[in-house]
Amino acid sequence: MRFKSNVAVNFTISSIFKTISGMAISLIAIKVIGPEKLGLWQAALIIKPYIGFTQLGLTQGLGRQLPFYLGKNDQKKVKKYAASAQYVTILYTIFFLILAIFLSVFVASNAEEQLIYLTAGVFISTMFVDDFLSSTYRSSKSFADLSRVYIISSLFAFLLSPLIFYLEFSGYLIMLLIHSLASTILLVVYRPIRTKSKFFKKIYIENIKIGFPMLSLNYLRSLPDTYPKIFIVFFISTTALGLTAPANAALTAFSVLPAALAKYIMPTMTFDYAKSNDKIVIWNKIKKISYYLSIFGLAGLLSLIFIPYIIENYFPKYEEAVFITIIAVIIGFFRMYALIFQVFNTLKRYNEQFKVSVSRNLLYILIPGFLFYAAPKEKGLSYIFIGVLIAEFISTGITFYYVHKVTHDEK
């Protein structure tokens, strides 16, 4: 028990360090690069969440099935699931790397566009490998290894950061490209399940049957996060999207602890549920997690006092972003609780999960859309963020209601 406790603490610390290092790199980029360039990069990445849908829930199903069968001590099934998922992941990775190279060579009109296409393509290609490998880290030893990967990867990112100062936007893209490849290589080196790639049709279909509903509903819930960016790109400008960089940094700051907790606590929750078959165990964990998130979030809200001074004095290119960054901090507070959404996957309560996801989509379209339409033209960006805040507040309440419902009913 003591070893597991130490692993949990070390993993949480390394995850936080990884996220903070990523934030630090982002702040350096914001300091050096103007919003017009960062807007181009953010616009290129809007498609990233949608591309992941092409896997049909492969890694989502794996993330649920591996801890479940580990809890049942069925090592044969664990190996088959991993081998089959690895085979398919390699095919996806090769395809999107080839596509990225094609776009860079035949579609891009200049060197900068070529670099954007290539970096975005590598980001997406390595995303498949990272998601697959991350879903295989499930034992205490593997989480200890993953902690090492996070620390090494974060330190390497700092070593690459001078590229931003010397080459500005191009240096930022080169740094992201190299770091993305290096991080994926580290995950491969420290992978916990070493098996040959082999396609098992029956296992693959089983995995998709489990994973596709999870993917669909997870995507349905998370897609609204891209809606504000789409509104901004199509109805304002990519420069306005670049102005949201400090706001995005604030949202990332509030995702530090939830991201760390989600990677460790949610798989262990599935493992414990497989052993006990008691839903109240899940609810008790959710209450404990929510308590610590609230303390962390309230401490984070103190940053509201300093944001105007920090942006105006250290990031003058983004002076117009002070108000939306303040709003983003409050949005980030409510988004922390999104990790409890995974309870629906653990219990396979897809009906309730669908209701929560649809409601969030409607809220994110209707409220920011209405406020943007009603706003004066020069205030459009601010009104979109106010709408997102209202939508996130309501969505968080709906999520808690249904999580309580599925952990207390008789189904």
Foldseek 3Di string as FASTA:
>chain_A
DVLLVVLLVLLLVLLLLLLVLVLVLLVLLLLQPFLLLVLVLVVLCLCLLVVVCVLLQLLVLLLLPLLLVVLVVPVVLNLQSLQQLVQVLVVQLVVLQVVLCCCLVPPDPDPVSSLSSNLSSLLNSLVSLCSSQLSQQADSVLSSLVSVLSNVLSVVLVVQSVLCVVVNSSSSSVSSSVSSVVSSVSSVVSRPRDDHRDHDPVSSVVSSVLRNLVSVLVCLQCSLVSVLSVCCPVPPHSSLVSLCSLLVSLLSSLCSSLVSCLSHVLSVVLSVCSNPVALVVVVVVLVVVVVVLLVVLVVQLVCLVVQQVCCVPRNVSNNVSSLLSNLSSLLSSLCSSVSLLCSCSSVVVSVLSNVLSNLLNVQSCPQLVVQLVVDDVVCNSVSNSVSSSVSSVVSSVSSVVVSVVVSPDDD
